[in-house]
Amino acid sequence: MTRSDLVEELAAKFGQITQRDAEFAVKAILEAMNEALAKGHRIEIRGFGSFSVNYRPPRMGRNPRTGESVAIPEKKVPHFKPGKALRLAVDQRTHELQPSV
C-alpha cells in the first residue's frame, strides 16, 4: 500500500472526509512521526506497534566488487517492532488466504 492508496482508503471509508482532507491528515501524521523519530523519541501505537531509533556502531565492510575493506560510519536507523495484535492479525489473515493442500 502506498501513501496515495492510504489516502484513497481513508477518504472512501469516511464519507464526510474529502480526498484533500484525507491527504492532509496522512501527511500531518507522517510528518509528526518523522519529526519525533528525528529527535530520538519513541512512538508507540497500541495494538499496532512501536517505532524507535536504533544505533548502529561503525564497522568495517567489504566492497564486493574489489574486495577491499571499507569503513562504514556509525548511524542511527529507524526500527519498527509490531505489536502483538498486529502480529496475530497478520498471521491469521495469511493463514486464511493460503490455499489448502
Protein backbone atom coordinates (compact mmCIF):
# COMPACT_ATOMS: atom_id res chain seq x y z
CA MET A 1 0.00 0.00 0.00
CA THR A 2 1.36 3.37 -0.99
CA ARG A 3 0.72 6.74 0.59
CA SER A 4 -1.84 7.62 -2.10
CA ASP A 5 -3.58 4.26 -1.56
CA LEU A 6 -3.83 5.08 2.14
CA VAL A 7 -5.34 8.49 1.34
CA GLU A 8 -7.90 6.91 -1.01
CA GLU A 9 -8.79 4.23 1.55
CA LEU A 10 -9.27 6.83 4.28
CA ALA A 11 -11.44 9.06 2.07
CA ALA A 12 -13.54 6.07 0.94
CA LYS A 13 -14.02 4.71 4.47
CA PHE A 14 -15.13 8.05 5.92
CA GLY A 15 -17.55 9.73 3.51
CA GLN A 16 -17.52 13.04 5.37
CA ILE A 17 -13.77 13.44 4.70
CA THR A 18 -12.74 14.79 1.32
CA GLN A 19 -9.78 13.41 -0.60
CA ARG A 20 -7.91 16.64 0.15
CA ASP A 21 -8.61 16.41 3.90
CA ALA A 22 -7.53 12.76 3.96
CA GLU A 23 -4.31 13.67 2.18
CA PHE A 24 -3.66 16.47 4.68
CA ALA A 25 -4.31 14.11 7.63
CA VAL A 26 -1.97 11.40 6.34
CA LYS A 27 0.73 13.98 5.56
CA ALA A 28 0.41 15.55 9.04
CA ILE A 29 0.66 12.19 10.81
CA LEU A 30 3.70 11.09 8.82
CA GLU A 31 5.44 14.45 9.35
CA ALA A 32 4.81 14.28 13.10
CA MET A 33 6.22 10.74 13.22
CA ASN A 34 9.22 11.80 11.14
CA GLU A 35 9.98 14.73 13.46
CA ALA A 36 9.61 12.62 16.60
CA LEU A 37 12.00 9.94 15.31
CA ALA A 38 14.48 12.58 14.12
CA LYS A 39 14.53 13.95 17.69
CA GLY A 40 15.21 10.44 19.01
CA HIS A 41 11.77 9.91 20.53
CA ARG A 42 9.92 6.60 20.59
CA ILE A 43 6.45 6.29 19.04
CA GLU A 44 4.06 3.69 20.44
CA ILE A 45 0.70 2.98 18.85
CA ARG A 46 -1.18 0.46 21.00
CA GLY A 47 -2.35 -2.57 19.04
CA PHE A 48 -0.15 -1.65 16.08
CA GLY A 49 3.47 -1.40 17.17
CA SER A 50 6.28 0.92 18.14
CA PHE A 51 8.83 2.92 16.21
CA SER A 52 12.20 3.72 17.71
CA VAL A 53 15.69 4.75 16.65
CA ASN A 54 18.46 2.15 16.77
CA TYR A 55 22.17 2.97 16.89
CA ARG A 56 24.49 1.09 14.54
CA PRO A 57 28.16 1.37 15.56
CA PRO A 58 30.92 1.95 12.99
CA ARG A 59 32.28 -1.19 11.39
CA MET A 60 34.50 -2.46 8.64
CA GLY A 61 32.76 -3.65 5.49
CA ARG A 62 34.00 -5.03 2.22
CA ASN A 63 33.48 -3.73 -1.30
CA PRO A 64 32.01 -6.77 -3.11
CA ARG A 65 33.44 -5.74 -6.48
CA THR A 66 37.05 -5.10 -5.46
CA GLY A 67 37.26 -6.97 -2.15
CA GLU A 68 38.91 -4.02 -0.40
CA SER A 69 37.95 -3.05 3.15
CA VAL A 70 35.69 -0.04 3.58
CA ALA A 71 34.99 1.87 6.80
CA ILE A 72 31.24 2.16 7.40
CA PRO A 73 30.43 5.07 9.74
CA GLU A 74 28.07 4.91 12.70
CA LYS A 75 24.46 5.78 12.05
CA LYS A 76 21.01 5.86 13.58
CA VAL A 77 18.26 3.99 11.78
CA PRO A 78 14.50 3.79 12.33
CA HIS A 79 13.21 0.49 13.71
CA PHE A 80 9.64 -0.85 13.82
CA LYS A 81 8.50 -3.54 16.24
CA PRO A 82 4.97 -4.81 15.54
CA GLY A 83 2.58 -5.13 18.46
CA LYS A 84 1.04 -8.43 19.49
CA ALA A 85 -2.37 -7.56 17.99
CA LEU A 86 -0.80 -6.75 14.61
CA ARG A 87 1.31 -9.91 14.60
CA LEU A 88 -1.74 -12.05 15.38
CA ALA A 89 -3.90 -10.29 12.77
CA VAL A 90 -1.28 -10.73 10.04
CA ASP A 91 -0.74 -14.36 10.97
CA GLN A 92 -4.48 -15.02 10.95
CA ARG A 93 -5.02 -13.32 7.56
CA THR A 94 -2.10 -15.13 5.91
CA HIS A 95 -3.46 -18.50 7.02
CA GLU A 96 -6.92 -17.61 5.68
CA LEU A 97 -5.51 -16.55 2.30
CA GLN A 98 -3.26 -19.60 1.78
CA PRO A 99 -4.87 -22.37 -0.31
CA SER A 100 -5.39 -25.68 1.43
CA VAL A 101 -3.33 -28.59 0.13
